[in-house]
Structure formats: structure tokens, C-alpha cells
């Protein structure tokens, strides 16, 4: 399970803040939620744990499960808003999550720069209105970074800052 992998990784690194992607089935599973919350609260747990989910079933399930995660100070981010997750799909869950991630790389081939900027601006505005964190993923060039700054996006990630690399510690 994810906890075993986290423990193994944590024993070989100084990194103590982790984001963990869960499938909808894993997110809804009360046993998974209880195991992760117990781990997060334990002395073996990370300093900070964030759950990322791409598929949401319904707002009632999200509300129920997110209360459990939040009781252990585990943040919940909806991943891939604007591409895999439309506003209609996530609207009901927004009160029960901590933030959203917009994956620019998922839309580059099908949207002009102007359309992409409009979509980023829309989701950033929703996040601000809901008092949620907003992270722009897929920042690959200085132009991407400048667009993010122009739109008021303060948290970004992507290859522009470095490609994933093995931890050789």
C-alpha cells in the first residue's frame, strides 16, 4: 500500500512533505482513509501530507471522507481541474477540499495561448472566491511563468523548474 512506500522513501530522505495521488476508489475507501490518517498522526508519519484526487463521485462522499482526512491535517487537492474535471463535476466538492491543480500540459495541444490563459484565469478566480489553494501545473517555459504571474497565480510547478530526478541520498 501507499504507506509502505512512503515509509520506505522517508527512511532514505530528509523530505517530510508528500503529495499522494489516490484513485476515486481509494479516496472513497474508508479503510484507506483511516490507515492514512492514522499514519499521518503517528510519529512515523510525514510532517505534511496532501491527497490529490482526479475523480470525484459525489459531494456527499467527498464531504464524509474529507472530514476524516482533515481531522489529521491532511490536505485534499482536486487534480486536473479544467481538463479531466469540469466545473460542474467539482462545484459540489469545493467546500470540502483545500485546493485545486490545473494541468496546463493536458490542454496545450487543443487550446490556443489565449484560450489557455482564459481557462487558467477562470479556475484561479474560482479558487480565490472559494478561498482555496490553486496550483498551475505544466509550467515549462518562461512564457508560461510570465502568464501565471500576469494572471495572479502564485503557486506553479513544472519542468521549467527542473525535471524529476532520482533521490541519490
C-alpha atoms as a PDB file:
ATOM      1  CA  UNK A   1       0.000   0.000   0.000  1.00  0.00           C
ATOM      2  CA  UNK A   2       0.982   3.671  -0.206  1.00  0.00           C
ATOM      3  CA  UNK A   3       2.016   3.784   3.459  1.00  0.00           C
ATOM      4  CA  UNK A   4       4.700   1.145   2.947  1.00  0.00           C
ATOM      5  CA  UNK A   5       6.119   3.111   0.020  1.00  0.00           C
ATOM      6  CA  UNK A   6       6.039   6.361   1.986  1.00  0.00           C
ATOM      7  CA  UNK A   7       7.799   4.777   4.969  1.00  0.00           C
ATOM      8  CA  UNK A   8      10.461   3.307   2.705  1.00  0.00           C
ATOM      9  CA  UNK A   9      11.029   6.605   0.940  1.00  0.00           C
ATOM     10  CA  UNK A  10      11.015   8.601   4.186  1.00  0.00           C
ATOM     11  CA  UNK A  11      13.721   6.356   5.635  1.00  0.00           C
ATOM     12  CA  UNK A  12      16.024   7.315   2.759  1.00  0.00           C
ATOM     13  CA  UNK A  13      15.453  11.066   2.539  1.00  0.00           C
ATOM     14  CA  UNK A  14      15.147  14.231   4.560  1.00  0.00           C
ATOM     15  CA  UNK A  15      11.973  15.163   2.680  1.00  0.00           C
ATOM     16  CA  UNK A  16       8.988  15.143   5.009  1.00  0.00           C
ATOM     17  CA  UNK A  17       6.231  16.745   2.899  1.00  0.00           C
ATOM     18  CA  UNK A  18       4.409  14.500   0.442  1.00  0.00           C
ATOM     19  CA  UNK A  19       1.621  14.594  -2.110  1.00  0.00           C
ATOM     20  CA  UNK A  20      -0.098  11.286  -2.710  1.00  0.00           C
ATOM     21  CA  UNK A  21      -2.342  10.620  -5.713  1.00  0.00           C
ATOM     22  CA  UNK A  22      -5.366   8.441  -4.994  1.00  0.00           C
ATOM     23  CA  UNK A  23      -7.872   6.940  -7.386  1.00  0.00           C
ATOM     24  CA  UNK A  24     -11.554   7.636  -6.741  1.00  0.00           C
ATOM     25  CA  UNK A  25     -11.925   4.114  -5.377  1.00  0.00           C
ATOM     26  CA  UNK A  26      -9.005   4.582  -2.974  1.00  0.00           C
ATOM     27  CA  UNK A  27     -10.263   8.004  -1.875  1.00  0.00           C
ATOM     28  CA  UNK A  28     -13.748   6.645  -1.104  1.00  0.00           C
ATOM     29  CA  UNK A  29     -12.423   3.616   0.768  1.00  0.00           C
ATOM     30  CA  UNK A  30     -12.880   4.223   4.497  1.00  0.00           C
ATOM     31  CA  UNK A  31     -10.136   1.700   5.309  1.00  0.00           C
ATOM     32  CA  UNK A  32      -7.634   3.588   3.151  1.00  0.00           C
ATOM     33  CA  UNK A  33      -8.684   6.898   4.719  1.00  0.00           C
ATOM     34  CA  UNK A  34      -8.381   5.534   8.255  1.00  0.00           C
ATOM     35  CA  UNK A  35      -4.979   3.960   7.550  1.00  0.00           C
ATOM     36  CA  UNK A  36      -3.616   7.173   6.018  1.00  0.00           C
ATOM     37  CA  UNK A  37      -4.970   9.360   8.825  1.00  0.00           C
ATOM     38  CA  UNK A  38      -3.517   7.076  11.495  1.00  0.00           C
ATOM     39  CA  UNK A  39      -0.174   7.106   9.686  1.00  0.00           C
ATOM     40  CA  UNK A  40      -0.243  10.903   9.328  1.00  0.00           C
ATOM     41  CA  UNK A  41      -0.946  11.321  13.054  1.00  0.00           C
ATOM     42  CA  UNK A  42       1.751   8.840  14.104  1.00  0.00           C
ATOM     43  CA  UNK A  43       5.360   9.649  14.937  1.00  0.00           C
ATOM     44  CA  UNK A  44       6.336   7.750  11.762  1.00  0.00           C
ATOM     45  CA  UNK A  45       4.160   9.972   9.585  1.00  0.00           C
ATOM     46  CA  UNK A  46       5.303  12.863   7.403  1.00  0.00           C
ATOM     47  CA  UNK A  47       5.271  16.493   8.523  1.00  0.00           C
ATOM     48  CA  UNK A  48       2.727  17.272   5.831  1.00  0.00           C
ATOM     49  CA  UNK A  49       0.586  15.017   3.659  1.00  0.00           C
ATOM     50  CA  UNK A  50      -1.592  16.141   0.769  1.00  0.00           C
ATOM     51  CA  UNK A  51      -4.001  13.844  -1.057  1.00  0.00           C
ATOM     52  CA  UNK A  52      -4.562  14.525  -4.766  1.00  0.00           C
ATOM     53  CA  UNK A  53      -7.688  13.167  -6.423  1.00  0.00           C
ATOM     54  CA  UNK A  54      -8.738  13.358 -10.054  1.00  0.00           C
ATOM     55  CA  UNK A  55     -12.092  11.603  -9.963  1.00  0.00           C
ATOM     56  CA  UNK A  56     -14.881  12.650  -7.629  1.00  0.00           C
ATOM     57  CA  UNK A  57     -18.010  10.546  -7.341  1.00  0.00           C
ATOM     58  CA  UNK A  58     -20.341  12.881  -5.461  1.00  0.00           C
ATOM     59  CA  UNK A  59     -20.169  15.721  -2.965  1.00  0.00           C
ATOM     60  CA  UNK A  60     -21.678  13.663  -0.108  1.00  0.00           C
ATOM     61  CA  UNK A  61     -18.906  11.069  -0.323  1.00  0.00           C
ATOM     62  CA  UNK A  62     -16.299  13.807  -0.664  1.00  0.00           C
ATOM     63  CA  UNK A  63     -17.719  15.595   2.394  1.00  0.00           C
ATOM     64  CA  UNK A  64     -17.729  12.445   4.518  1.00  0.00           C
ATOM     65  CA  UNK A  65     -14.256  11.230   3.559  1.00  0.00           C
ATOM     66  CA  UNK A  66     -12.614  14.660   3.520  1.00  0.00           C
ATOM     67  CA  UNK A  67     -13.718  15.242   7.130  1.00  0.00           C
ATOM     68  CA  UNK A  68     -11.685  12.201   8.116  1.00  0.00           C
ATOM     69  CA  UNK A  69      -8.592  13.368   6.218  1.00  0.00           C
ATOM     70  CA  UNK A  70      -8.883  16.907   7.512  1.00  0.00           C
ATOM     71  CA  UNK A  71      -9.097  15.632  11.108  1.00  0.00           C
ATOM     72  CA  UNK A  72      -5.491  14.505  10.619  1.00  0.00           C
ATOM     73  CA  UNK A  73      -4.439  17.793   8.949  1.00  0.00           C
ATOM     74  CA  UNK A  74      -4.202  16.048   5.582  1.00  0.00           C
ATOM     75  CA  UNK A  75      -4.915  18.475   2.757  1.00  0.00           C
ATOM     76  CA  UNK A  76      -7.018  17.474  -0.234  1.00  0.00           C
ATOM     77  CA  UNK A  77      -6.406  18.836  -3.724  1.00  0.00           C
ATOM     78  CA  UNK A  78      -8.567  18.213  -6.785  1.00  0.00           C
ATOM     79  CA  UNK A  79      -6.153  17.448  -9.608  1.00  0.00           C
ATOM     80  CA  UNK A  80      -6.639  18.233 -13.293  1.00  0.00           C
ATOM     81  CA  UNK A  81      -9.415  20.804 -12.953  1.00  0.00           C
ATOM     82  CA  UNK A  82     -10.322  22.250 -16.319  1.00  0.00           C
ATOM     83  CA  UNK A  83      -9.338  19.136 -18.248  1.00  0.00           C
ATOM     84  CA  UNK A  84     -10.390  15.894 -16.549  1.00  0.00           C
ATOM     85  CA  UNK A  85     -12.624  17.751 -14.081  1.00  0.00           C
ATOM     86  CA  UNK A  86     -15.112  20.344 -15.298  1.00  0.00           C
ATOM     87  CA  UNK A  87     -16.569  22.996 -13.004  1.00  0.00           C
ATOM     88  CA  UNK A  88     -19.886  21.139 -12.973  1.00  0.00           C
ATOM     89  CA  UNK A  89     -18.147  17.987 -11.696  1.00  0.00           C
ATOM     90  CA  UNK A  90     -16.221  19.668  -8.875  1.00  0.00           C
ATOM     91  CA  UNK A  91     -18.529  22.505  -7.779  1.00  0.00           C
ATOM     92  CA  UNK A  92     -20.235  20.482  -5.028  1.00  0.00           C
ATOM     93  CA  UNK A  93     -16.918  19.264  -3.620  1.00  0.00           C
ATOM     94  CA  UNK A  94     -15.228  22.664  -3.325  1.00  0.00           C
ATOM     95  CA  UNK A  95     -16.305  23.313   0.289  1.00  0.00           C
ATOM     96  CA  UNK A  96     -14.644  20.053   1.348  1.00  0.00           C
ATOM     97  CA  UNK A  97     -11.213  20.390  -0.262  1.00  0.00           C
ATOM     98  CA  UNK A  98      -8.203  22.629   0.276  1.00  0.00           C
ATOM     99  CA  UNK A  99      -7.338  23.408  -3.301  1.00  0.00           C
ATOM    100  CA  UNK A 100      -7.168  22.658  -6.992  1.00  0.00           C
ATOM    101  CA  UNK A 101      -4.451  21.897  -9.510  1.00  0.00           C
ATOM    102  CA  UNK A 102      -4.780  22.942 -13.147  1.00  0.00           C
ATOM    103  CA  UNK A 103      -2.684  20.854 -15.562  1.00  0.00           C
ATOM    104  CA  UNK A 104      -1.762  23.131 -18.453  1.00  0.00           C
ATOM    105  CA  UNK A 105       0.063  20.309 -20.195  1.00  0.00           C
ATOM    106  CA  UNK A 106      -3.252  18.464 -20.670  1.00  0.00           C
ATOM    107  CA  UNK A 107      -4.679  21.316 -22.753  1.00  0.00           C
ATOM    108  CA  UNK A 108      -1.726  22.698 -24.714  1.00  0.00           C
ATOM    109  CA  UNK A 109      -2.461  20.803 -27.926  1.00  0.00           C
ATOM    110  CA  UNK A 110      -6.170  21.643 -28.042  1.00  0.00           C
ATOM    111  CA  UNK A 111      -6.195  25.282 -26.883  1.00  0.00           C
ATOM    112  CA  UNK A 112      -4.605  28.489 -28.117  1.00  0.00           C
ATOM    113  CA  UNK A 113      -2.487  30.506 -25.665  1.00  0.00           C
ATOM    114  CA  UNK A 114      -5.399  32.912 -25.258  1.00  0.00           C
ATOM    115  CA  UNK A 115      -7.865  30.095 -24.536  1.00  0.00           C
ATOM    116  CA  UNK A 116      -5.436  28.508 -22.106  1.00  0.00           C
ATOM    117  CA  UNK A 117      -4.963  31.816 -20.280  1.00  0.00           C
ATOM    118  CA  UNK A 118      -8.747  32.258 -20.075  1.00  0.00           C
ATOM    119  CA  UNK A 119      -9.152  28.801 -18.552  1.00  0.00           C
ATOM    120  CA  UNK A 120      -6.365  29.368 -16.045  1.00  0.00           C
ATOM    121  CA  UNK A 121      -7.893  32.732 -15.097  1.00  0.00           C
ATOM    122  CA  UNK A 122     -11.331  31.123 -14.633  1.00  0.00           C
ATOM    123  CA  UNK A 123     -10.047  28.409 -12.281  1.00  0.00           C
ATOM    124  CA  UNK A 124      -7.778  30.786 -10.390  1.00  0.00           C
ATOM    125  CA  UNK A 125     -10.788  33.063  -9.825  1.00  0.00           C
ATOM    126  CA  UNK A 126     -12.891  30.121  -8.570  1.00  0.00           C
ATOM    127  CA  UNK A 127     -10.095  29.191  -6.156  1.00  0.00           C
ATOM    128  CA  UNK A 128      -9.878  32.763  -4.864  1.00  0.00           C
ATOM    129  CA  UNK A 129     -13.653  33.006  -4.422  1.00  0.00           C
ATOM    130  CA  UNK A 130     -13.695  29.707  -2.509  1.00  0.00           C
ATOM    131  CA  UNK A 131     -10.531  30.564  -0.518  1.00  0.00           C
ATOM    132  CA  UNK A 132      -8.732  27.528  -1.953  1.00  0.00           C
ATOM    133  CA  UNK A 133      -5.120  26.956  -2.915  1.00  0.00           C
ATOM    134  CA  UNK A 134      -4.508  26.999  -6.667  1.00  0.00           C
ATOM    135  CA  UNK A 135      -1.506  25.391  -8.323  1.00  0.00           C
ATOM    136  CA  UNK A 136      -0.741  25.736 -12.024  1.00  0.00           C
ATOM    137  CA  UNK A 137       0.973  22.587 -13.308  1.00  0.00           C
ATOM    138  CA  UNK A 138       2.816  22.231 -16.584  1.00  0.00           C
ATOM    139  CA  UNK A 139       4.902  25.406 -16.403  1.00  0.00           C
ATOM    140  CA  UNK A 140       7.571  24.566 -18.970  1.00  0.00           C
ATOM    141  CA  UNK A 141       8.815  27.909 -20.260  1.00  0.00           C
ATOM    142  CA  UNK A 142       9.460  31.441 -19.094  1.00  0.00           C
ATOM    143  CA  UNK A 143       6.403  32.462 -21.141  1.00  0.00           C
ATOM    144  CA  UNK A 144       4.276  30.072 -19.052  1.00  0.00           C
ATOM    145  CA  UNK A 145       5.674  31.565 -15.861  1.00  0.00           C
ATOM    146  CA  UNK A 146       5.027  35.120 -17.043  1.00  0.00           C
ATOM    147  CA  UNK A 147       1.438  34.197 -17.935  1.00  0.00           C
ATOM    148  CA  UNK A 148       0.953  32.733 -14.449  1.00  0.00           C
ATOM    149  CA  UNK A 149       2.303  35.900 -12.835  1.00  0.00           C
ATOM    150  CA  UNK A 150       0.139  38.106 -15.066  1.00  0.00           C
ATOM    151  CA  UNK A 151      -2.945  36.111 -14.037  1.00  0.00           C
ATOM    152  CA  UNK A 152      -2.081  36.329 -10.341  1.00  0.00           C
ATOM    153  CA  UNK A 153      -1.202  32.661  -9.924  1.00  0.00           C
ATOM    154  CA  UNK A 154       1.262  32.372  -7.064  1.00  0.00           C
ATOM    155  CA  UNK A 155       1.916  28.611  -6.976  1.00  0.00           C
ATOM    156  CA  UNK A 156       3.308  26.803 -10.007  1.00  0.00           C
ATOM    157  CA  UNK A 157       5.108  23.587 -10.850  1.00  0.00           C
ATOM    158  CA  UNK A 158       6.620  22.107 -13.966  1.00  0.00           C
ATOM    159  CA  UNK A 159       9.708  21.237 -15.972  1.00  0.00           C
ATOM    160  CA  UNK A 160      10.733  24.902 -16.129  1.00  0.00           C
ATOM    161  CA  UNK A 161      11.951  24.456 -12.546  1.00  0.00           C
ATOM    162  CA  UNK A 162      13.613  21.098 -13.148  1.00  0.00           C
ATOM    163  CA  UNK A 163      12.789  17.618 -14.277  1.00  0.00           C
ATOM    164  CA  UNK A 164      12.081  14.905 -11.730  1.00  0.00           C
ATOM    165  CA  UNK A 165      15.320  13.295 -10.658  1.00  0.00           C
ATOM    166  CA  UNK A 166      16.239  10.269  -8.590  1.00  0.00           C
ATOM    167  CA  UNK A 167      16.980  10.867  -4.944  1.00  0.00           C
ATOM    168  CA  UNK A 168      20.576   9.733  -4.580  1.00  0.00           C
ATOM    169  CA  UNK A 169      20.927  10.303  -0.847  1.00  0.00           C
END
